[in-house]
Amino acid sequence: MVGSVRRLGARVRVAALAVAFGALVPSGCAPHTETRLGASEPRPTHGPGGGLVLEDAWARAATATWDADGAPSANGAVYLSIRNAGSQADRLTGAACGAAQTVEVHRSAMEDGVMRMRPAGEVEIPPHGRVALEPGGLHVMLIGLRHDLREGDVLPVTLRFAAAGDQTVRADVRPRSAASGTGTMASGSDPPVVMSTPAVRSRDVLFVIPRGTAAQQLRGEGGV
């Protein structure tokens, strides 16, 4: 009788220990939580030896227009900062955006008193370096806007990298008065703008924008 009581007591103690131990061990079924980045927050993307950080993506507000044949005729532009926190270089090879018929990475530069804009080709992002896409320099050119870019909208834009692959950022659409490379909007005293792009015409020089309203529209809405 005494032996049976002792064995029963031992079983109870073992069962109590098992319950207590189970309460301390995670079940593995806790709900998964995911932190989503806001439009203005840095977006890290990991490549070999580190990662890229895409920051402060934005576009100027622009109004879509169409020519006599019904084809989109207005342009837009997207700017951002690309920081390479890794130990190996990467290359920006292109871009895509559903708001435009054609999307290219362009570079603007002043040559002989004329602002010229051309496709930039592949852009290297050096290790531990930073490349700024900003007015007056590199930018993502949106050719043939399909719809208006309204202030306050968020525009998804995909950047294509040789190593990191396709990375989508959300660009805040800012007012047309957003700062340019010189800190101000273009005025009537600005030089003409020459745009060269095979995506629109096969000629080396597509058009020259004279001083005045047309140049201001290209800078303010399309952005160079």
N, C-alpha and C. Protein backbone atom coordinates (compact mmCIF):
# COMPACT_ATOMS: atom_id res chain seq x y z
N MET A 1 0.84 -1.20 0.00
CA MET A 1 0.00 0.00 0.00
C MET A 1 0.87 1.25 0.00
N VAL A 2 1.87 1.26 0.85
CA VAL A 2 2.79 2.41 0.93
C VAL A 2 3.53 2.59 -0.37
N GLY A 3 3.97 1.48 -1.03
CA GLY A 3 4.68 1.56 -2.30
C GLY A 3 3.82 2.16 -3.39
N SER A 4 2.55 1.78 -3.42
CA SER A 4 1.64 2.32 -4.44
C SER A 4 1.47 3.82 -4.29
N VAL A 5 1.36 4.27 -3.02
CA VAL A 5 1.20 5.72 -2.77
C VAL A 5 2.43 6.48 -3.23
N ARG A 6 3.62 5.90 -2.97
CA ARG A 6 4.87 6.57 -3.38
C ARG A 6 4.96 6.67 -4.90
N ARG A 7 4.60 5.54 -5.60
CA ARG A 7 4.67 5.58 -7.07
C ARG A 7 3.69 6.60 -7.62
N LEU A 8 2.49 6.71 -7.05
CA LEU A 8 1.50 7.68 -7.51
C LEU A 8 2.01 9.10 -7.29
N GLY A 9 2.65 9.34 -6.15
CA GLY A 9 3.20 10.67 -5.87
C GLY A 9 4.29 11.04 -6.86
N ALA A 10 5.12 10.07 -7.25
CA ALA A 10 6.19 10.33 -8.22
C ALA A 10 5.61 10.72 -9.57
N ARG A 11 4.52 10.01 -10.00
CA ARG A 11 3.90 10.32 -11.29
C ARG A 11 3.32 11.74 -11.27
N VAL A 12 2.72 12.13 -10.17
CA VAL A 12 2.14 13.48 -10.07
C VAL A 12 3.23 14.54 -10.18
N ARG A 13 4.38 14.30 -9.52
CA ARG A 13 5.46 15.28 -9.58
C ARG A 13 6.01 15.41 -10.99
N VAL A 14 6.16 14.29 -11.71
CA VAL A 14 6.65 14.31 -13.10
C VAL A 14 5.70 15.08 -13.99
N ALA A 15 4.40 14.82 -13.83
CA ALA A 15 3.40 15.52 -14.66
C ALA A 15 3.43 17.01 -14.39
N ALA A 16 3.60 17.42 -13.14
CA ALA A 16 3.65 18.84 -12.79
C ALA A 16 4.86 19.52 -13.41
N LEU A 17 6.00 18.81 -13.39
CA LEU A 17 7.21 19.37 -14.00
C LEU A 17 7.06 19.54 -15.50
N ALA A 18 6.39 18.58 -16.16
CA ALA A 18 6.19 18.65 -17.61
C ALA A 18 5.33 19.85 -17.96
N VAL A 19 4.29 20.11 -17.20
CA VAL A 19 3.41 21.26 -17.45
C VAL A 19 4.17 22.57 -17.27
N ALA A 20 4.95 22.65 -16.20
CA ALA A 20 5.71 23.87 -15.94
C ALA A 20 6.73 24.14 -17.02
N PHE A 21 7.44 23.09 -17.49
CA PHE A 21 8.44 23.23 -18.55
C PHE A 21 7.79 23.67 -19.85
N GLY A 22 6.62 23.11 -20.15
CA GLY A 22 5.93 23.48 -21.38
C GLY A 22 5.52 24.93 -21.39
N ALA A 23 5.23 25.50 -20.24
CA ALA A 23 4.83 26.90 -20.19
C ALA A 23 5.99 27.83 -20.50
N LEU A 24 7.23 27.34 -20.30
CA LEU A 24 8.41 28.17 -20.54
C LEU A 24 8.91 28.10 -21.97
N VAL A 25 8.53 27.11 -22.75
CA VAL A 25 9.04 26.90 -24.10
C VAL A 25 8.04 27.47 -25.10
N PRO A 26 8.49 28.38 -26.05
CA PRO A 26 7.57 28.93 -27.05
C PRO A 26 6.98 27.84 -27.90
N SER A 27 5.73 28.01 -28.26
CA SER A 27 5.04 26.97 -29.05
C SER A 27 5.40 27.00 -30.51
N GLY A 28 6.00 28.15 -30.99
CA GLY A 28 6.34 28.25 -32.41
C GLY A 28 5.16 28.68 -33.25
N CYS A 29 4.02 28.99 -32.64
CA CYS A 29 2.82 29.35 -33.39
C CYS A 29 2.42 30.80 -33.15
N ALA A 30 3.34 31.60 -32.59
CA ALA A 30 3.02 33.01 -32.35
C ALA A 30 2.81 33.70 -33.68
N PRO A 31 1.88 34.66 -33.77
CA PRO A 31 1.62 35.34 -35.05
C PRO A 31 2.82 36.11 -35.53
N HIS A 32 3.08 36.05 -36.87
CA HIS A 32 4.21 36.75 -37.48
C HIS A 32 3.84 38.21 -37.72
N THR A 33 4.74 39.12 -37.35
CA THR A 33 4.48 40.53 -37.58
C THR A 33 5.48 41.05 -38.61
N GLU A 34 5.02 41.95 -39.48
CA GLU A 34 5.87 42.50 -40.54
C GLU A 34 5.82 44.01 -40.47
N THR A 35 6.99 44.65 -40.53
CA THR A 35 7.06 46.10 -40.54
C THR A 35 7.12 46.57 -41.97
N ARG A 36 6.15 47.37 -42.36
CA ARG A 36 6.09 47.90 -43.71
C ARG A 36 6.65 49.32 -43.72
N LEU A 37 7.45 49.62 -44.76
CA LEU A 37 8.08 50.91 -44.86
C LEU A 37 7.10 51.94 -45.40
N GLY A 38 7.09 53.11 -44.83
CA GLY A 38 6.28 54.19 -45.36
C GLY A 38 6.93 54.77 -46.60
N ALA A 39 6.20 55.66 -47.29
CA ALA A 39 6.68 56.22 -48.55
C ALA A 39 7.97 57.00 -48.37
N SER A 40 8.16 57.65 -47.21
CA SER A 40 9.33 58.49 -47.02
C SER A 40 10.44 57.80 -46.23
N GLU A 41 10.25 56.54 -45.86
CA GLU A 41 11.26 55.84 -45.07
C GLU A 41 12.27 55.15 -45.98
N PRO A 42 13.54 55.04 -45.56
CA PRO A 42 14.54 54.35 -46.36
C PRO A 42 14.13 52.90 -46.62
N ARG A 43 14.40 52.44 -47.83
CA ARG A 43 14.08 51.06 -48.19
C ARG A 43 15.38 50.31 -48.44
N PRO A 44 15.78 49.40 -47.54
CA PRO A 44 17.01 48.65 -47.77
C PRO A 44 16.79 47.49 -48.72
N THR A 45 17.74 47.26 -49.61
CA THR A 45 17.69 46.10 -50.49
C THR A 45 19.06 45.43 -50.44
N HIS A 46 19.07 44.14 -50.26
CA HIS A 46 20.33 43.46 -49.99
C HIS A 46 20.91 42.83 -51.25
N GLY A 47 22.16 43.15 -51.53
CA GLY A 47 22.88 42.56 -52.63
C GLY A 47 24.10 41.84 -52.10
N PRO A 48 25.02 41.43 -52.98
CA PRO A 48 26.21 40.71 -52.53
C PRO A 48 27.09 41.60 -51.65
N GLY A 49 27.46 41.10 -50.50
CA GLY A 49 28.38 41.82 -49.63
C GLY A 49 27.75 42.99 -48.91
N GLY A 50 26.43 43.12 -48.89
CA GLY A 50 25.82 44.24 -48.20
C GLY A 50 24.47 44.56 -48.80
N GLY A 51 24.16 45.85 -49.00
CA GLY A 51 22.86 46.19 -49.55
C GLY A 51 22.78 47.62 -50.02
N LEU A 52 21.73 47.88 -50.79
CA LEU A 52 21.42 49.23 -51.24
C LEU A 52 20.33 49.81 -50.36
N VAL A 53 20.38 51.10 -50.15
CA VAL A 53 19.33 51.80 -49.42
C VAL A 53 18.78 52.88 -50.34
N LEU A 54 17.50 52.80 -50.65
CA LEU A 54 16.84 53.76 -51.53
C LEU A 54 16.07 54.74 -50.66
N GLU A 55 16.38 56.04 -50.77
CA GLU A 55 15.84 57.03 -49.84
C GLU A 55 15.22 58.21 -50.58
N ASP A 56 14.22 58.82 -49.95
CA ASP A 56 13.65 60.10 -50.35
C ASP A 56 13.25 60.12 -51.82
N ALA A 57 12.46 59.14 -52.24
CA ALA A 57 11.97 59.11 -53.62
C ALA A 57 10.81 60.08 -53.77
N TRP A 58 10.85 60.93 -54.81
CA TRP A 58 9.78 61.90 -55.02
C TRP A 58 9.69 62.26 -56.50
N ALA A 59 8.53 62.80 -56.86
CA ALA A 59 8.29 63.26 -58.22
C ALA A 59 7.53 64.57 -58.16
N ARG A 60 7.72 65.44 -59.16
CA ARG A 60 6.95 66.67 -59.21
C ARG A 60 5.57 66.40 -59.78
N ALA A 61 4.60 67.15 -59.30
CA ALA A 61 3.25 67.08 -59.85
C ALA A 61 3.29 67.48 -61.32
N ALA A 62 2.51 66.79 -62.15
CA ALA A 62 2.48 67.06 -63.59
C ALA A 62 1.10 66.75 -64.14
N THR A 63 0.76 67.41 -65.23
CA THR A 63 -0.53 67.23 -65.88
C THR A 63 -0.36 66.46 -67.17
N ALA A 64 -1.08 65.38 -67.33
CA ALA A 64 -1.01 64.58 -68.55
C ALA A 64 -1.69 65.33 -69.70
N THR A 65 -1.07 65.29 -70.88
CA THR A 65 -1.65 65.88 -72.08
C THR A 65 -1.51 64.89 -73.23
N TRP A 66 -2.27 65.14 -74.30
CA TRP A 66 -2.24 64.25 -75.46
C TRP A 66 -2.12 65.09 -76.72
N ASP A 67 -1.44 64.54 -77.73
CA ASP A 67 -1.29 65.28 -78.99
C ASP A 67 -2.50 65.05 -79.89
N ALA A 68 -2.42 65.56 -81.11
CA ALA A 68 -3.56 65.49 -82.02
C ALA A 68 -3.91 64.05 -82.39
N ASP A 69 -2.95 63.17 -82.29
CA ASP A 69 -3.19 61.76 -82.62
C ASP A 69 -3.64 60.95 -81.42
N GLY A 70 -3.79 61.60 -80.26
CA GLY A 70 -4.24 60.91 -79.06
C GLY A 70 -3.13 60.23 -78.28
N ALA A 71 -1.86 60.52 -78.61
CA ALA A 71 -0.74 59.92 -77.90
C ALA A 71 -0.33 60.80 -76.73
N PRO A 72 0.04 60.22 -75.59
CA PRO A 72 0.49 61.03 -74.45
C PRO A 72 1.70 61.89 -74.83
N SER A 73 1.67 63.15 -74.44
CA SER A 73 2.74 64.07 -74.85
C SER A 73 3.44 64.74 -73.68
N ALA A 74 2.99 64.52 -72.45
CA ALA A 74 3.62 65.15 -71.29
C ALA A 74 4.63 64.20 -70.64
N ASN A 75 5.63 64.80 -69.99
CA ASN A 75 6.66 64.02 -69.33
C ASN A 75 6.66 64.28 -67.82
N GLY A 76 7.32 63.41 -67.09
CA GLY A 76 7.50 63.59 -65.66
C GLY A 76 8.88 63.09 -65.27
N ALA A 77 9.23 63.23 -64.01
CA ALA A 77 10.54 62.77 -63.55
C ALA A 77 10.46 62.35 -62.09
N VAL A 78 11.32 61.41 -61.73
CA VAL A 78 11.39 60.88 -60.36
C VAL A 78 12.82 61.04 -59.88
N TYR A 79 12.97 61.42 -58.63
CA TYR A 79 14.28 61.64 -58.02
C TYR A 79 14.38 60.83 -56.74
N LEU A 80 15.58 60.44 -56.38
CA LEU A 80 15.81 59.72 -55.13
C LEU A 80 17.30 59.64 -54.86
N SER A 81 17.65 59.10 -53.71
CA SER A 81 19.04 58.86 -53.35
C SER A 81 19.26 57.35 -53.24
N ILE A 82 20.37 56.87 -53.81
CA ILE A 82 20.73 55.45 -53.74
C ILE A 82 22.04 55.33 -52.99
N ARG A 83 22.02 54.66 -51.86
CA ARG A 83 23.22 54.48 -51.05
C ARG A 83 23.60 53.01 -51.02
N ASN A 84 24.87 52.74 -51.27
CA ASN A 84 25.37 51.37 -51.28
C ASN A 84 26.12 51.12 -49.97
N ALA A 85 25.49 50.37 -49.08
CA ALA A 85 26.12 50.06 -47.79
C ALA A 85 26.99 48.81 -47.87
N GLY A 86 27.06 48.19 -49.05
CA GLY A 86 27.80 46.95 -49.20
C GLY A 86 29.24 47.17 -49.62
N SER A 87 29.95 46.06 -49.77
CA SER A 87 31.37 46.10 -50.12
C SER A 87 31.61 45.86 -51.61
N GLN A 88 30.54 45.67 -52.39
CA GLN A 88 30.67 45.47 -53.83
C GLN A 88 29.80 46.47 -54.58
N ALA A 89 30.27 46.90 -55.74
CA ALA A 89 29.52 47.85 -56.55
C ALA A 89 28.29 47.18 -57.17
N ASP A 90 27.29 47.98 -57.46
CA ASP A 90 26.12 47.54 -58.20
C ASP A 90 25.90 48.54 -59.33
N ARG A 91 24.97 48.25 -60.23
CA ARG A 91 24.70 49.15 -61.35
C ARG A 91 23.20 49.33 -61.52
N LEU A 92 22.77 50.57 -61.66
CA LEU A 92 21.39 50.87 -62.02
C LEU A 92 21.29 50.73 -63.53
N THR A 93 20.49 49.78 -63.99
CA THR A 93 20.43 49.47 -65.42
C THR A 93 19.16 49.96 -66.10
N GLY A 94 18.15 50.37 -65.35
CA GLY A 94 16.92 50.83 -65.96
C GLY A 94 15.85 51.05 -64.92
N ALA A 95 14.64 51.36 -65.40
CA ALA A 95 13.53 51.64 -64.50
C ALA A 95 12.22 51.37 -65.22
N ALA A 96 11.15 51.26 -64.44
CA ALA A 96 9.82 51.02 -65.00
C ALA A 96 8.78 51.71 -64.12
N CYS A 97 7.70 52.18 -64.76
CA CYS A 97 6.62 52.83 -64.02
C CYS A 97 5.36 52.77 -64.88
N GLY A 98 4.26 52.33 -64.29
CA GLY A 98 3.02 52.18 -65.03
C GLY A 98 2.38 53.49 -65.43
N ALA A 99 2.87 54.61 -64.87
CA ALA A 99 2.27 55.91 -65.18
C ALA A 99 2.74 56.48 -66.50
N ALA A 100 3.74 55.86 -67.15
CA ALA A 100 4.30 56.41 -68.38
C ALA A 100 4.47 55.32 -69.43
N GLN A 101 4.46 55.76 -70.70
CA GLN A 101 4.66 54.81 -71.79
C GLN A 101 6.09 54.29 -71.81
N THR A 102 7.04 55.16 -71.56
CA THR A 102 8.45 54.80 -71.60
C THR A 102 9.15 55.38 -70.38
N VAL A 103 10.06 54.61 -69.80
CA VAL A 103 10.80 55.08 -68.62
C VAL A 103 12.29 54.85 -68.87
N GLU A 104 13.07 55.89 -68.70
CA GLU A 104 14.51 55.81 -68.90
C GLU A 104 15.23 56.57 -67.79
N VAL A 105 16.47 56.18 -67.52
CA VAL A 105 17.32 56.93 -66.62
C VAL A 105 18.07 57.95 -67.47
N HIS A 106 17.87 59.24 -67.18
CA HIS A 106 18.47 60.32 -67.96
C HIS A 106 19.48 61.09 -67.13
N ARG A 107 20.33 61.81 -67.84
CA ARG A 107 21.29 62.71 -67.22
C ARG A 107 21.19 64.08 -67.90
N SER A 108 21.03 65.12 -67.11
CA SER A 108 21.02 66.49 -67.63
C SER A 108 22.36 67.14 -67.34
N ALA A 109 22.81 67.97 -68.28
CA ALA A 109 24.07 68.69 -68.10
C ALA A 109 24.04 69.95 -68.95
N MET A 110 24.68 71.00 -68.46
CA MET A 110 24.78 72.24 -69.19
C MET A 110 25.97 72.17 -70.14
N GLU A 111 25.71 72.41 -71.43
CA GLU A 111 26.78 72.39 -72.44
C GLU A 111 26.62 73.62 -73.32
N ASP A 112 27.62 74.49 -73.31
CA ASP A 112 27.63 75.69 -74.16
C ASP A 112 26.36 76.52 -73.96
N GLY A 113 25.94 76.67 -72.72
CA GLY A 113 24.78 77.49 -72.43
C GLY A 113 23.45 76.84 -72.71
N VAL A 114 23.47 75.55 -73.05
CA VAL A 114 22.24 74.82 -73.36
C VAL A 114 22.14 73.62 -72.41
N MET A 115 20.99 73.43 -71.78
CA MET A 115 20.76 72.27 -70.93
C MET A 115 20.41 71.08 -71.81
N ARG A 116 21.27 70.08 -71.82
CA ARG A 116 21.05 68.90 -72.65
C ARG A 116 20.68 67.71 -71.77
N MET A 117 19.75 66.89 -72.26
CA MET A 117 19.28 65.74 -71.51
C MET A 117 19.38 64.51 -72.40
N ARG A 118 20.08 63.48 -71.91
CA ARG A 118 20.31 62.27 -72.69
C ARG A 118 20.12 61.04 -71.79
N PRO A 119 19.84 59.87 -72.39
CA PRO A 119 19.85 58.63 -71.60
C PRO A 119 21.21 58.43 -70.95
N ALA A 120 21.21 58.03 -69.70
CA ALA A 120 22.45 57.93 -68.93
C ALA A 120 23.16 56.59 -69.12
N GLY A 121 22.46 55.58 -69.67
CA GLY A 121 23.05 54.25 -69.72
C GLY A 121 23.09 53.65 -68.32
N GLU A 122 23.98 52.71 -68.09
CA GLU A 122 24.10 52.10 -66.77
C GLU A 122 24.83 53.04 -65.81
N VAL A 123 24.32 53.13 -64.60
CA VAL A 123 24.90 54.03 -63.60
C VAL A 123 25.49 53.19 -62.48
N GLU A 124 26.78 53.32 -62.23
CA GLU A 124 27.43 52.54 -61.17
C GLU A 124 27.14 53.12 -59.80
N ILE A 125 26.83 52.23 -58.86
CA ILE A 125 26.65 52.59 -57.46
C ILE A 125 27.86 52.02 -56.72
N PRO A 126 28.87 52.83 -56.40
CA PRO A 126 30.11 52.30 -55.82
C PRO A 126 29.90 51.77 -54.41
N PRO A 127 30.75 50.83 -53.98
CA PRO A 127 30.63 50.33 -52.60
C PRO A 127 30.85 51.45 -51.60
N HIS A 128 30.01 51.46 -50.57
CA HIS A 128 30.07 52.48 -49.52
C HIS A 128 29.93 53.88 -50.11
N GLY A 129 29.25 53.97 -51.25
CA GLY A 129 29.07 55.26 -51.91
C GLY A 129 27.59 55.61 -52.05
N ARG A 130 27.33 56.77 -52.62
CA ARG A 130 25.98 57.28 -52.77
C ARG A 130 25.84 57.95 -54.13
N VAL A 131 24.72 57.71 -54.79
CA VAL A 131 24.41 58.37 -56.06
C VAL A 131 23.08 59.09 -55.89
N ALA A 132 23.06 60.38 -56.20
CA ALA A 132 21.85 61.18 -56.06
C ALA A 132 21.20 61.39 -57.42
N LEU A 133 19.92 61.05 -57.53
CA LEU A 133 19.12 61.39 -58.69
C LEU A 133 18.34 62.63 -58.31
N GLU A 134 18.69 63.77 -58.90
CA GLU A 134 18.14 65.05 -58.46
C GLU A 134 17.99 65.98 -59.65
N PRO A 135 17.14 67.00 -59.53
CA PRO A 135 16.97 67.96 -60.62
C PRO A 135 18.29 68.56 -61.06
N GLY A 136 18.47 68.67 -62.38
CA GLY A 136 19.70 69.20 -62.92
C GLY A 136 20.77 68.16 -63.14
N GLY A 137 20.48 66.88 -62.84
CA GLY A 137 21.47 65.82 -63.01
C GLY A 137 20.79 64.53 -63.42
N LEU A 138 21.13 63.45 -62.75
CA LEU A 138 20.49 62.16 -63.02
C LEU A 138 19.04 62.18 -62.56
N HIS A 139 18.17 61.50 -63.28
CA HIS A 139 16.77 61.37 -62.87
C HIS A 139 16.13 60.24 -63.65
N VAL A 140 15.01 59.73 -63.14
CA VAL A 140 14.21 58.75 -63.87
C VAL A 140 13.19 59.53 -64.69
N MET A 141 13.30 59.45 -66.02
CA MET A 141 12.43 60.21 -66.91
C MET A 141 11.19 59.40 -67.26
N LEU A 142 10.03 59.98 -67.02
CA LEU A 142 8.75 59.36 -67.37
C LEU A 142 8.27 60.00 -68.67
N ILE A 143 8.33 59.27 -69.75
CA ILE A 143 8.03 59.82 -71.08
C ILE A 143 6.63 59.36 -71.51
N GLY A 144 5.76 60.33 -71.75
CA GLY A 144 4.39 60.01 -72.16
C GLY A 144 3.53 59.62 -70.97
N LEU A 145 3.20 60.59 -70.12
CA LEU A 145 2.40 60.31 -68.92
C LEU A 145 1.01 59.83 -69.32
N ARG A 146 0.57 58.76 -68.69
CA ARG A 146 -0.77 58.21 -68.96
C ARG A 146 -1.84 58.88 -68.12
N HIS A 147 -1.44 59.51 -67.02
CA HIS A 147 -2.40 60.19 -66.15
C HIS A 147 -1.67 61.28 -65.37
N ASP A 148 -2.44 62.16 -64.75
CA ASP A 148 -1.87 63.24 -63.95
C ASP A 148 -1.08 62.68 -62.78
N LEU A 149 -0.05 63.41 -62.38
CA LEU A 149 0.65 63.15 -61.12
C LEU A 149 0.23 64.26 -60.18
N ARG A 150 -0.65 63.95 -59.25
CA ARG A 150 -1.23 64.96 -58.37
C ARG A 150 -0.47 65.03 -57.05
N GLU A 151 -0.33 66.25 -56.56
CA GLU A 151 0.34 66.46 -55.28
C GLU A 151 -0.33 65.61 -54.20
N GLY A 152 0.48 64.89 -53.44
CA GLY A 152 -0.03 64.01 -52.39
C GLY A 152 -0.16 62.56 -52.82
N ASP A 153 -0.12 62.31 -54.14
CA ASP A 153 -0.17 60.93 -54.62
C ASP A 153 1.12 60.20 -54.26
N VAL A 154 1.08 58.89 -54.29
CA VAL A 154 2.28 58.05 -54.13
C VAL A 154 2.43 57.23 -55.39
N LEU A 155 3.58 57.35 -56.04
CA LEU A 155 3.82 56.74 -57.35
C LEU A 155 4.79 55.56 -57.21
N PRO A 156 4.35 54.33 -57.49
CA PRO A 156 5.28 53.19 -57.46
C PRO A 156 6.22 53.24 -58.67
N VAL A 157 7.51 53.11 -58.41
CA VAL A 157 8.53 53.13 -59.46
C VAL A 157 9.49 51.98 -59.19
N THR A 158 9.78 51.20 -60.22
CA THR A 158 10.69 50.06 -60.08
C THR A 158 12.04 50.42 -60.66
N LEU A 159 13.09 50.24 -59.87
CA LEU A 159 14.46 50.44 -60.32
C LEU A 159 15.10 49.09 -60.54
N ARG A 160 15.85 48.97 -61.62
CA ARG A 160 16.47 47.70 -61.98
C ARG A 160 17.98 47.77 -61.78
N PHE A 161 18.48 46.84 -60.95
CA PHE A 161 19.90 46.79 -60.63
C PHE A 161 20.50 45.48 -61.12
N ALA A 162 21.77 45.54 -61.49
CA ALA A 162 22.44 44.35 -62.01
C ALA A 162 22.54 43.26 -60.95
N ALA A 163 22.84 43.61 -59.71
CA ALA A 163 23.00 42.63 -58.65
C ALA A 163 21.76 42.51 -57.77
N ALA A 164 21.21 43.63 -57.35
CA ALA A 164 20.07 43.62 -56.42
C ALA A 164 18.76 43.28 -57.11
N GLY A 165 18.72 43.32 -58.45
CA GLY A 165 17.49 43.00 -59.17
C GLY A 165 16.50 44.16 -59.14
N ASP A 166 15.23 43.86 -59.38
CA ASP A 166 14.18 44.88 -59.41
C ASP A 166 13.80 45.28 -57.99
N GLN A 167 13.79 46.58 -57.74
CA GLN A 167 13.44 47.11 -56.43
C GLN A 167 12.41 48.23 -56.63
N THR A 168 11.26 48.12 -55.99
CA THR A 168 10.20 49.10 -56.15
C THR A 168 10.17 50.07 -54.97
N VAL A 169 10.15 51.36 -55.29
CA VAL A 169 10.02 52.40 -54.28
C VAL A 169 8.72 53.15 -54.51
N ARG A 170 8.27 53.86 -53.49
CA ARG A 170 7.05 54.66 -53.59
C ARG A 170 7.44 56.13 -53.51
N ALA A 171 7.27 56.83 -54.62
CA ALA A 171 7.71 58.22 -54.71
C ALA A 171 6.56 59.15 -54.34
N ASP A 172 6.80 60.05 -53.39
CA ASP A 172 5.82 61.06 -53.03
C ASP A 172 5.74 62.11 -54.13
N VAL A 173 4.54 62.44 -54.57
CA VAL A 173 4.36 63.49 -55.57
C VAL A 173 4.30 64.82 -54.84
N ARG A 174 5.25 65.71 -55.15
CA ARG A 174 5.37 66.99 -54.47
C ARG A 174 4.91 68.13 -55.38
N PRO A 175 4.70 69.32 -54.83
CA PRO A 175 4.23 70.45 -55.66
C PRO A 175 5.22 70.78 -56.76
N ARG A 176 4.73 71.44 -57.79
CA ARG A 176 5.60 71.83 -58.90
C ARG A 176 6.67 72.81 -58.46
N SER A 177 6.47 73.45 -57.33
CA SER A 177 7.45 74.42 -56.82
C SER A 177 8.54 73.75 -56.00
N ALA A 178 8.57 72.42 -55.98
CA ALA A 178 9.62 71.72 -55.23
C ALA A 178 10.98 72.16 -55.73
N ALA A 179 11.95 72.18 -54.82
CA ALA A 179 13.28 72.72 -55.14
C ALA A 179 13.93 71.94 -56.26
N SER A 180 14.57 72.66 -57.15
CA SER A 180 15.35 72.04 -58.22
C SER A 180 16.79 71.99 -57.78
N GLY A 181 17.69 71.64 -58.72
CA GLY A 181 19.10 71.56 -58.39
C GLY A 181 19.66 72.90 -57.94
N THR A 182 19.02 74.03 -58.37
CA THR A 182 19.49 75.35 -57.96
C THR A 182 18.64 75.91 -56.83
N GLY A 183 17.61 75.14 -56.40
CA GLY A 183 16.78 75.57 -55.29
C GLY A 183 15.57 76.37 -55.71
N THR A 184 15.40 76.65 -57.01
CA THR A 184 14.26 77.43 -57.47
C THR A 184 13.70 76.83 -58.75
N MET A 185 12.50 77.26 -59.10
CA MET A 185 11.92 76.87 -60.36
C MET A 185 12.63 77.60 -61.49
N ALA A 186 12.48 77.05 -62.70
CA ALA A 186 13.06 77.71 -63.86
C ALA A 186 12.31 78.99 -64.16
N SER A 187 13.00 79.95 -64.74
CA SER A 187 12.36 81.22 -65.09
C SER A 187 12.60 81.51 -66.56
N GLY A 188 12.10 82.65 -67.01
CA GLY A 188 12.25 82.99 -68.42
C GLY A 188 13.68 83.22 -68.82
N SER A 189 14.58 83.39 -67.87
CA SER A 189 15.98 83.62 -68.21
C SER A 189 16.77 82.33 -68.31
N ASP A 190 16.13 81.20 -68.11
CA ASP A 190 16.84 79.93 -68.19
C ASP A 190 17.25 79.62 -69.61
N PRO A 191 18.31 78.84 -69.79
CA PRO A 191 18.73 78.47 -71.14
C PRO A 191 17.76 77.48 -71.75
N PRO A 192 17.82 77.34 -73.08
CA PRO A 192 16.97 76.34 -73.72
C PRO A 192 17.36 74.94 -73.31
N VAL A 193 16.44 74.00 -73.48
CA VAL A 193 16.67 72.62 -73.09
C VAL A 193 16.64 71.75 -74.35
N VAL A 194 17.65 70.93 -74.53
CA VAL A 194 17.69 69.99 -75.65
C VAL A 194 17.53 68.60 -75.10
N MET A 195 16.56 67.85 -75.61
CA MET A 195 16.30 66.49 -75.14
C MET A 195 16.64 65.50 -76.23
N SER A 196 17.54 64.59 -75.95
CA SER A 196 17.94 63.57 -76.91
C SER A 196 17.58 62.20 -76.34
N THR A 197 16.65 61.50 -76.96
CA THR A 197 16.27 60.17 -76.46
C THR A 197 15.73 59.31 -77.59
N PRO A 198 16.28 58.11 -77.79
CA PRO A 198 15.78 57.22 -78.83
C PRO A 198 14.40 56.68 -78.54
N ALA A 199 13.93 56.84 -77.30
CA ALA A 199 12.62 56.30 -76.97
C ALA A 199 11.49 57.09 -77.63
N VAL A 200 11.77 58.35 -77.98
CA VAL A 200 10.74 59.19 -78.56
C VAL A 200 10.97 59.41 -80.05
N ARG A 201 12.18 59.73 -80.44
CA ARG A 201 12.54 59.91 -81.83
C ARG A 201 13.89 59.24 -82.06
N SER A 202 14.19 58.93 -83.30
CA SER A 202 15.48 58.32 -83.61
C SER A 202 16.55 59.37 -83.86
N ARG A 203 16.14 60.63 -84.01
CA ARG A 203 17.11 61.69 -84.24
C ARG A 203 17.94 61.95 -83.00
N ASP A 204 19.16 62.47 -83.21
CA ASP A 204 20.04 62.74 -82.07
C ASP A 204 19.45 63.80 -81.16
N VAL A 205 18.87 64.84 -81.74
CA VAL A 205 18.27 65.91 -80.96
C VAL A 205 16.78 65.93 -81.24
N LEU A 206 15.99 65.75 -80.21
CA LEU A 206 14.54 65.69 -80.39
C LEU A 206 13.96 67.08 -80.58
N PHE A 207 14.20 67.98 -79.64
CA PHE A 207 13.68 69.34 -79.78
C PHE A 207 14.47 70.28 -78.89
N VAL A 208 14.37 71.54 -79.21
CA VAL A 208 14.96 72.58 -78.37
C VAL A 208 13.83 73.38 -77.78
N ILE A 209 13.78 73.47 -76.44
CA ILE A 209 12.77 74.25 -75.76
C ILE A 209 13.29 75.67 -75.62
N PRO A 210 12.63 76.68 -76.20
CA PRO A 210 13.11 78.06 -76.08
C PRO A 210 12.92 78.59 -74.67
N ARG A 211 13.50 79.74 -74.41
CA ARG A 211 13.33 80.38 -73.11
C ARG A 211 11.87 80.73 -72.89
N GLY A 212 11.46 80.75 -71.62
CA GLY A 212 10.12 81.19 -71.33
C GLY A 212 9.23 80.07 -70.82
N THR A 213 7.95 80.15 -71.16
CA THR A 213 6.95 79.27 -70.57
C THR A 213 7.21 77.81 -70.86
N ALA A 214 7.58 77.47 -72.10
CA ALA A 214 7.78 76.06 -72.45
C ALA A 214 8.92 75.46 -71.65
N ALA A 215 10.01 76.22 -71.50
CA ALA A 215 11.13 75.71 -70.71
C ALA A 215 10.73 75.54 -69.27
N GLN A 216 9.93 76.47 -68.75
CA GLN A 216 9.49 76.37 -67.35
C GLN A 216 8.60 75.15 -67.18
N GLN A 217 7.75 74.87 -68.19
CA GLN A 217 6.87 73.71 -68.08
C GLN A 217 7.66 72.42 -68.06
N LEU A 218 8.68 72.32 -68.92
CA LEU A 218 9.49 71.10 -68.96
C LEU A 218 10.22 70.91 -67.63
N ARG A 219 10.77 72.00 -67.07
CA ARG A 219 11.51 71.88 -65.82
C ARG A 219 10.56 71.64 -64.65
N GLY A 220 9.41 72.35 -64.67
CA GLY A 220 8.51 72.25 -63.53
C GLY A 220 7.73 70.97 -63.50
N GLU A 221 7.32 70.45 -64.67
CA GLU A 221 6.50 69.25 -64.71
C GLU A 221 7.32 68.03 -65.07
N GLY A 222 8.15 68.14 -66.10
CA GLY A 222 8.95 66.99 -66.50
C GLY A 222 10.19 66.87 -65.66
N GLY A 223 10.77 68.02 -65.35
CA GLY A 223 11.96 68.00 -64.53
C GLY A 223 13.18 67.56 -65.31
N VAL A 224 14.22 68.34 -65.30
CA VAL A 224 15.46 67.95 -65.96
C VAL A 224 16.62 67.98 -64.96
